Protein backbone atom coordinates (compact mmCIF):
# COMPACT_ATOMS: atom_id res chain seq x y z
CA UNK A 1 29.40 16.74 2.31
CA UNK A 2 29.24 20.01 4.29
CA UNK A 3 26.23 21.23 2.37
CA UNK A 4 24.41 17.96 2.99
CA UNK A 5 25.21 18.20 6.70
CA UNK A 6 23.89 21.77 6.76
CA UNK A 7 20.63 20.68 5.18
CA UNK A 8 20.37 17.85 7.69
CA UNK A 9 20.71 20.32 10.57
CA UNK A 10 18.01 22.58 9.09
CA UNK A 11 15.72 19.62 8.49
CA UNK A 12 16.15 18.44 12.06
CA UNK A 13 15.45 21.95 13.34
CA UNK A 14 12.30 22.21 11.23
CA UNK A 15 11.18 18.79 12.40
CA UNK A 16 11.58 20.12 15.94
CA UNK A 17 9.81 23.49 15.64
CA UNK A 18 7.47 23.08 12.63
CA UNK A 19 4.25 21.12 12.38
CA UNK A 20 4.27 17.86 10.38
CA UNK A 21 3.65 17.94 6.65
CA UNK A 22 -0.02 18.14 5.65
CA UNK A 23 -1.88 15.01 4.64
CA UNK A 24 -2.17 13.93 1.04
CA UNK A 25 -4.98 15.77 -0.68
CA UNK A 26 -4.99 18.63 1.83
CA UNK A 27 -6.57 21.92 0.83
CA UNK A 28 -4.61 24.97 -0.26
CA UNK A 29 -5.20 26.66 3.10
CA UNK A 30 -3.73 23.68 4.97
CA UNK A 31 -0.71 23.47 2.67
CA UNK A 32 -0.16 27.24 2.87
CA UNK A 33 -0.33 26.99 6.66
CA UNK A 34 2.31 24.26 6.61
CA UNK A 35 4.51 26.33 4.25
CA UNK A 36 4.31 29.37 6.53
CA UNK A 37 5.07 27.14 9.50
CA UNK A 38 8.29 25.90 7.89
CA UNK A 39 9.21 29.46 6.95
CA UNK A 40 8.61 30.63 10.52
CA UNK A 41 10.76 27.73 11.72
CA UNK A 42 13.63 28.85 9.49
CA UNK A 43 13.29 32.47 10.65
CA UNK A 44 13.30 31.31 14.27
CA UNK A 45 16.60 29.51 13.65
CA UNK A 46 18.14 32.66 12.15
CA UNK A 47 16.80 34.80 15.01
CA UNK A 48 18.11 32.35 17.61
CA UNK A 49 21.58 32.47 16.06
CA UNK A 50 21.49 36.30 16.05
CA UNK A 51 20.39 36.36 19.68
CA UNK A 52 23.12 33.91 20.73
CA UNK A 53 25.73 35.99 18.89
CA UNK A 54 24.48 39.19 20.53
CA UNK A 55 24.45 37.47 23.92
CA UNK A 56 28.09 36.47 23.44
CA UNK A 57 28.88 40.06 22.44
CA UNK A 58 27.30 41.61 25.54
CA UNK A 59 28.45 38.95 27.99
CA UNK A 60 32.05 38.41 26.89
CA UNK A 61 33.14 41.34 24.72
CA UNK A 62 31.05 44.31 25.86
CA UNK A 63 29.97 43.30 29.36
CA UNK A 64 28.87 46.66 30.69
CA UNK A 65 25.26 46.48 29.48
CA UNK A 66 23.38 44.24 31.94
CA UNK A 67 19.99 45.50 30.71
CA UNK A 68 20.79 44.28 27.21
CA UNK A 69 21.80 40.86 28.57
CA UNK A 70 18.47 40.53 30.38
CA UNK A 71 16.64 41.64 27.23
CA UNK A 72 18.47 38.99 25.17
CA UNK A 73 17.66 36.27 27.69
CA UNK A 74 13.98 37.26 27.54
CA UNK A 75 14.03 37.17 23.73
CA UNK A 76 15.62 33.70 23.81
CA UNK A 77 12.81 32.46 26.05
CA UNK A 78 10.22 34.05 23.77
CA UNK A 79 11.91 32.41 20.77
CA UNK A 80 11.49 29.02 22.43
CA UNK A 81 7.82 29.84 23.11
CA UNK A 82 7.35 30.84 19.45
CA UNK A 83 8.89 27.54 18.34
CA UNK A 84 6.57 25.63 20.67
CA UNK A 85 3.52 27.45 19.30
CA UNK A 86 4.66 26.85 15.73
CA UNK A 87 5.09 23.15 16.47
CA UNK A 88 1.50 22.98 17.72
CA UNK A 89 0.28 24.54 14.46
CA UNK A 90 -0.44 28.04 15.81
CA UNK A 91 1.48 29.67 12.98
CA UNK A 92 -0.33 33.01 13.34
CA UNK A 93 0.54 33.48 17.00
CA UNK A 94 4.09 32.30 16.40
CA UNK A 95 4.42 34.77 13.50
CA UNK A 96 3.17 37.65 15.63
CA UNK A 97 5.68 36.81 18.34
CA UNK A 98 8.40 36.55 15.73
CA UNK A 99 7.56 40.02 14.39
CA UNK A 100 7.77 41.41 17.92
CA UNK A 101 11.16 39.74 18.41
CA UNK A 102 12.38 41.23 15.13
CA UNK A 103 12.00 44.67 16.74
CA UNK A 104 14.89 43.85 19.06
CA UNK A 105 17.00 46.76 17.64
CA UNK A 106 14.42 49.14 19.07
CA UNK A 107 14.96 47.67 22.55
CA UNK A 108 18.73 47.81 22.16
CA UNK A 109 18.73 51.61 21.90
CA UNK A 110 17.67 52.43 25.49
CA UNK A 111 19.44 49.30 26.78
CA UNK A 112 22.85 50.34 25.38
CA UNK A 113 22.55 54.14 25.34
CA UNK A 114 25.31 55.90 27.22
CA UNK A 115 23.73 57.70 30.13
CA UNK A 116 20.31 56.65 28.83
CA UNK A 117 20.42 59.40 26.15
CA UNK A 118 19.53 59.08 22.47
CA UNK A 119 22.49 59.84 20.22
CA UNK A 120 23.00 60.30 16.50
CA UNK A 121 24.53 56.82 16.17
CA UNK A 122 21.26 55.33 17.37
CA UNK A 123 19.52 56.45 14.19
CA UNK A 124 21.15 53.55 12.34
CA UNK A 125 19.41 51.04 14.62
CA UNK A 126 16.05 52.49 13.62
CA UNK A 127 16.61 51.42 10.01
CA UNK A 128 16.97 47.82 11.18
CA UNK A 129 13.30 47.80 12.14
CA UNK A 130 12.57 47.18 8.46
CA UNK A 131 13.45 43.55 9.16
CA UNK A 132 10.22 43.11 11.11
CA UNK A 133 8.29 44.11 7.96
CA UNK A 134 9.96 41.34 5.98
CA UNK A 135 9.17 38.89 8.76
CA UNK A 136 5.53 40.00 8.75
CA UNK A 137 5.31 39.61 4.97
CA UNK A 138 6.75 36.09 5.25
CA UNK A 139 4.89 34.77 8.28
CA UNK A 140 1.60 36.69 8.23
CA UNK A 141 -0.94 37.94 5.70
CA UNK A 142 0.42 40.44 3.15
CA UNK A 143 -1.71 43.32 4.46
CA UNK A 144 -0.18 42.94 7.94
CA UNK A 145 3.00 44.74 6.80
CA UNK A 146 1.15 48.07 6.83
CA UNK A 147 -0.02 47.49 10.40
CA UNK A 148 3.51 46.65 11.47
CA UNK A 149 4.88 49.69 9.62
CA UNK A 150 2.44 52.01 11.43
CA UNK A 151 3.32 50.47 14.82
CA UNK A 152 7.05 50.75 14.08
CA UNK A 153 6.66 54.36 13.01
CA UNK A 154 4.79 55.16 16.23
CA UNK A 155 7.48 53.44 18.32
CA UNK A 156 10.24 55.36 16.51
CA UNK A 157 8.54 58.70 17.14
CA UNK A 158 7.81 57.80 20.78
CA UNK A 159 11.36 56.64 21.41
CA UNK A 160 12.89 59.82 20.01
CA UNK A 161 10.37 62.02 21.81
CA UNK A 162 10.57 60.33 25.21
CA UNK A 163 14.28 59.55 25.54
CA UNK A 164 16.71 62.24 26.69
CA UNK A 165 18.95 63.52 23.88
CA UNK A 166 22.68 63.97 23.80
CA UNK A 167 24.01 67.40 22.94
CA UNK A 168 25.01 66.22 19.47
CA UNK A 169 21.55 64.90 18.72
CA UNK A 170 19.98 68.03 20.20
CA UNK A 171 22.04 70.15 17.82
CA UNK A 172 20.86 67.91 14.93
CA UNK A 173 17.25 68.36 15.94
CA UNK A 174 17.73 72.11 16.09
CA UNK A 175 19.41 72.26 12.66
CA UNK A 176 17.85 72.22 9.19
CA UNK A 177 18.83 68.56 8.79
CA UNK A 178 16.44 67.42 11.53
CA UNK A 179 13.60 66.72 9.13
CA UNK A 180 15.87 64.73 6.86
CA UNK A 181 17.37 62.71 9.70
CA UNK A 182 14.06 61.84 11.31
CA UNK A 183 12.23 61.17 8.05
CA UNK A 184 14.77 58.55 6.95
CA UNK A 185 13.63 55.70 9.27
CA UNK A 186 9.97 56.52 8.69
CA UNK A 187 10.36 56.57 4.90
CA UNK A 188 12.22 53.29 5.16
CA UNK A 189 9.20 51.78 6.91
CA UNK A 190 6.85 53.01 4.17
CA UNK A 191 9.00 51.91 1.25
CA UNK A 192 9.80 48.48 2.69
CA UNK A 193 6.14 47.98 3.61
CA UNK A 194 5.04 48.61 0.01
CA UNK A 195 7.74 46.38 -1.46
CA UNK A 196 7.08 43.62 1.07
CA UNK A 197 3.32 43.79 0.43
CA UNK A 198 3.62 43.45 -3.35
CA UNK A 199 6.24 40.72 -2.95
CA UNK A 200 4.12 38.72 -0.51
CA UNK A 201 0.99 39.26 -2.61
CA UNK A 202 2.73 38.08 -5.78
CA UNK A 203 4.08 35.01 -4.01
CA UNK A 204 0.61 34.17 -2.68
CA UNK A 205 -0.92 34.66 -6.13
CA UNK A 206 1.75 32.47 -7.71
CA UNK A 207 1.12 29.76 -5.11
CA UNK A 208 -2.62 29.89 -5.79
CA UNK A 209 -2.01 29.62 -9.53
CA UNK A 210 0.35 26.71 -8.98
CA UNK A 211 -2.21 25.05 -6.74
CA UNK A 212 -4.89 25.63 -9.38
CA UNK A 213 -2.62 24.16 -12.04
CA UNK A 214 -1.97 21.13 -9.82
CA UNK A 215 -5.71 20.68 -9.29
CA UNK A 216 -6.36 20.87 -13.04
CA UNK A 217 -3.53 18.42 -13.72
CA UNK A 218 -4.90 16.06 -11.06
CA UNK A 219 -8.42 16.30 -12.52
CA UNK A 220 -7.05 15.61 -16.00
CA UNK A 221 -5.10 12.63 -14.69
CA UNK A 222 -8.17 11.24 -12.95
CA UNK A 223 -10.30 11.78 -16.04
CA UNK A 224 -7.72 10.03 -18.22
CA UNK A 225 -7.53 7.16 -15.74
CA UNK A 226 -11.34 6.94 -15.62
CA UNK A 227 -11.53 6.91 -19.43
CA UNK A 228 -8.89 4.19 -19.59
CA UNK A 229 -10.80 2.13 -17.02
CA UNK A 230 -14.03 2.53 -19.01
CA UNK A 231 -12.35 1.53 -22.27
CA UNK A 232 -10.65 -1.47 -20.67
CA UNK A 233 -13.90 -2.51 -19.00
CA UNK A 234 -15.84 -2.26 -22.28
CA UNK A 235 -13.21 -4.41 -24.01
CA UNK A 236 -13.43 -7.03 -21.26
CA UNK A 237 -17.23 -7.12 -21.40
CA UNK A 238 -17.16 -7.39 -25.21
CA UNK A 239 -14.69 -10.27 -25.00
CA UNK A 240 -16.96 -12.12 -22.55
CA UNK A 241 -19.98 -11.56 -24.81
CA UNK A 242 -18.08 -12.98 -27.80
CA UNK A 243 -17.03 -16.08 -25.83
CA UNK A 244 -20.58 -16.64 -24.59
CA UNK A 245 -21.90 -16.29 -28.14
CA UNK A 246 -19.38 -18.94 -29.25
CA UNK A 247 -20.62 -21.37 -26.61
CA UNK A 248 -17.93 -20.86 -23.96
CA UNK A 249 -20.16 -20.58 -20.91
CA UNK A 250 -17.15 -20.66 -18.58
CA UNK A 251 -16.05 -17.17 -19.63
CA UNK A 252 -16.19 -14.62 -16.81
CA UNK A 253 -15.69 -10.88 -16.49
CA UNK A 254 -12.77 -10.16 -14.11
CA UNK A 255 -10.69 -7.17 -13.03
CA UNK A 256 -13.14 -4.42 -14.05
CA UNK A 257 -12.27 -1.33 -11.99
CA UNK A 258 -15.05 0.98 -13.17
CA UNK A 259 -17.92 0.91 -10.62
CA UNK A 260 -20.57 1.32 -13.33
CA UNK A 261 -19.19 -1.43 -15.56
CA UNK A 262 -18.49 -3.66 -12.58
CA UNK A 263 -22.23 -3.97 -11.94
CA UNK A 264 -22.78 -4.94 -15.58
CA UNK A 265 -19.92 -7.43 -15.37
CA UNK A 266 -21.37 -8.95 -12.22
CA UNK A 267 -24.77 -9.39 -13.90
CA UNK A 268 -23.04 -10.87 -16.96
CA UNK A 269 -21.17 -13.36 -14.78
CA UNK A 270 -24.47 -14.41 -13.16
CA UNK A 271 -26.02 -14.88 -16.61
CA UNK A 272 -23.00 -16.89 -17.78
CA UNK A 273 -23.23 -19.15 -14.71
CA UNK A 274 -26.90 -19.81 -15.40
CA UNK A 275 -26.20 -20.48 -19.07
CA UNK A 276 -23.45 -22.89 -18.02
CA UNK A 277 -25.91 -24.78 -15.79
CA UNK A 278 -28.49 -24.85 -18.57
CA UNK A 279 -25.89 -26.12 -21.01
CA UNK A 280 -24.83 -28.84 -18.60
CA UNK A 281 -28.44 -29.85 -18.05
CA UNK A 282 -29.01 -29.93 -21.80
CA UNK A 283 -25.95 -32.16 -22.29
CA UNK A 284 -27.16 -34.51 -19.55
CA UNK A 285 -30.59 -34.64 -21.19
CA UNK A 286 -29.10 -35.52 -24.59
CA UNK A 287 -26.98 -38.30 -23.03
CA UNK A 288 -30.03 -39.56 -21.16
CA UNK A 289 -32.08 -39.72 -24.38
CA UNK A 290 -29.26 -41.59 -26.14
CA UNK A 291 -28.86 -44.02 -23.24
CA UNK A 292 -32.62 -44.56 -23.12
CA UNK A 293 -32.66 -45.58 -26.80
CA UNK A 294 -29.67 -47.91 -26.31
CA UNK A 295 -31.27 -49.41 -23.20
CA UNK A 296 -34.52 -50.09 -25.07
CA UNK A 297 -32.57 -51.78 -27.88
CA UNK A 298 -30.66 -53.90 -25.34
CA UNK A 299 -33.88 -55.01 -23.62
CA UNK A 300 -35.41 -56.01 -26.98
CA UNK A 301 -32.27 -57.96 -27.88
CA UNK A 302 -32.35 -59.76 -24.52
CA UNK A 303 -35.98 -60.76 -24.99
CA UNK A 304 -35.16 -62.06 -28.47
CA UNK A 305 -32.38 -64.20 -27.02
CA UNK A 306 -29.64 -62.16 -28.52
CA UNK A 307 -26.59 -60.70 -26.81
CA UNK A 308 -27.65 -57.24 -25.58
CA UNK A 309 -25.40 -54.20 -25.98
CA UNK A 310 -25.87 -52.41 -22.71
CA UNK A 311 -25.07 -48.65 -22.79
CA UNK A 312 -21.97 -47.47 -20.89
CA UNK A 313 -22.36 -45.18 -17.85
CA UNK A 314 -22.42 -41.51 -18.90
CA UNK A 315 -23.28 -39.64 -15.68
CA UNK A 316 -27.02 -39.51 -16.32
CA UNK A 317 -29.82 -40.63 -13.95
CA UNK A 318 -30.24 -43.77 -16.13
CA UNK A 319 -26.87 -45.13 -15.01
CA UNK A 320 -28.40 -46.77 -11.93
CA UNK A 321 -31.18 -48.36 -14.04
CA UNK A 322 -28.65 -49.64 -16.58
CA UNK A 323 -26.49 -51.13 -13.81
CA UNK A 324 -29.49 -52.92 -12.25
CA UNK A 325 -30.65 -54.39 -15.56
CA UNK A 326 -27.12 -55.48 -16.41
CA UNK A 327 -26.82 -57.32 -13.08
CA UNK A 328 -30.15 -59.07 -13.65
CA UNK A 329 -29.31 -60.08 -17.22
CA UNK A 330 -25.83 -61.40 -16.43
CA UNK A 331 -26.69 -63.19 -13.13
CA UNK A 332 -26.62 -67.09 -13.25
CA UNK A 333 -30.01 -68.89 -13.13
CA UNK A 334 -31.20 -69.58 -9.63
CA UNK A 335 -31.65 -73.30 -8.50
CA UNK A 336 -35.18 -74.77 -8.41
CA UNK A 337 -37.05 -74.37 -5.19
CA UNK A 338 -36.87 -77.14 -2.59
CA UNK A 339 -40.15 -79.19 -2.24
CA UNK A 340 -41.32 -82.23 -0.16
CA UNK A 341 -41.17 -84.54 -3.09
CA UNK A 342 -37.61 -83.61 -3.77
CA UNK A 343 -36.73 -84.63 -0.25
CA UNK A 344 -38.29 -88.16 -0.56
CA UNK A 345 -35.64 -90.95 -1.04
CA UNK A 346 -35.39 -92.87 -4.25
CA UNK A 347 -37.20 -96.24 -4.35
CA UNK A 348 -34.03 -98.29 -4.41
CA UNK A 349 -32.89 -96.48 -1.36
CA UNK A 350 -35.94 -97.96 0.56
CA UNK A 351 -35.03 -101.57 -0.37
CA UNK A 352 -37.20 -101.71 -3.47
CA UNK A 353 -35.99 -102.57 -6.81
CA UNK A 354 -36.94 -100.38 -9.64
């Protein structure tokens, strides 16, 4: 439960200070940018916690270093600015600011030095500058660690040369151990820079290989899917051809996903529709020929005084002719026409005897 809550807090923090996840199908550069952005977001969280802890230390516990308090407040503001830049997708600028903030131990030496003098105990803080090299290797390009190492080395030399020294540190500088004491922080910068460079370079190479492997796997998947679509489309077209050859002109090609085979299937469907119309017209023609023969036989039977066998309606154009002839043949005989003689009265009706 606690671990899940911790992950939820980190995820919420990253959603606040890191850019959204890249789109599907994004390039390696875009995905690498998003990965560095999330890494910078995690480092900003760690740095913010360190700064808040140091601020509590110098405000509550050791409250006689006002310069250090102001420096911590400035670093907190810069941390917020770095998070804002990282959220906008400016991972490079945010990483540079993060590297500068990682050199906070260098600022703490003059801010907490007693009497403003460099002492032997301050040499330990110089070793902490190696953290900025790790930050540079994580947030920036691998080669940037050497630039940061050179800048850190120059700042170490300038700080020791420009700050006043305590008597103890002055005695150390004057002794035979001076070279060993001063070379330690500088050698640390060189060693950590080399290790961080090879580590960052190997990680980047591994990510590129993984991305290449993903691309190859995606290409293989697409090729397999394309081959399956072609095979399925060929089977569907073959099935339609077999049905058309067997006289089923209602068969149609459906569901073909391959663009090339879809055009063939569309043409095949058009051909099948035309064959269906031709088949229907041929069937109507055969029925019409049969009805014509039956109609001729019925007319001959009627003329011979026999009972005609009129053909039944079959959906052909002869149906209307058959219906008209049937009505004429089966209609009752019409009465004789009315003439003048038929209207004359009978002789006995005029008083004459027949």
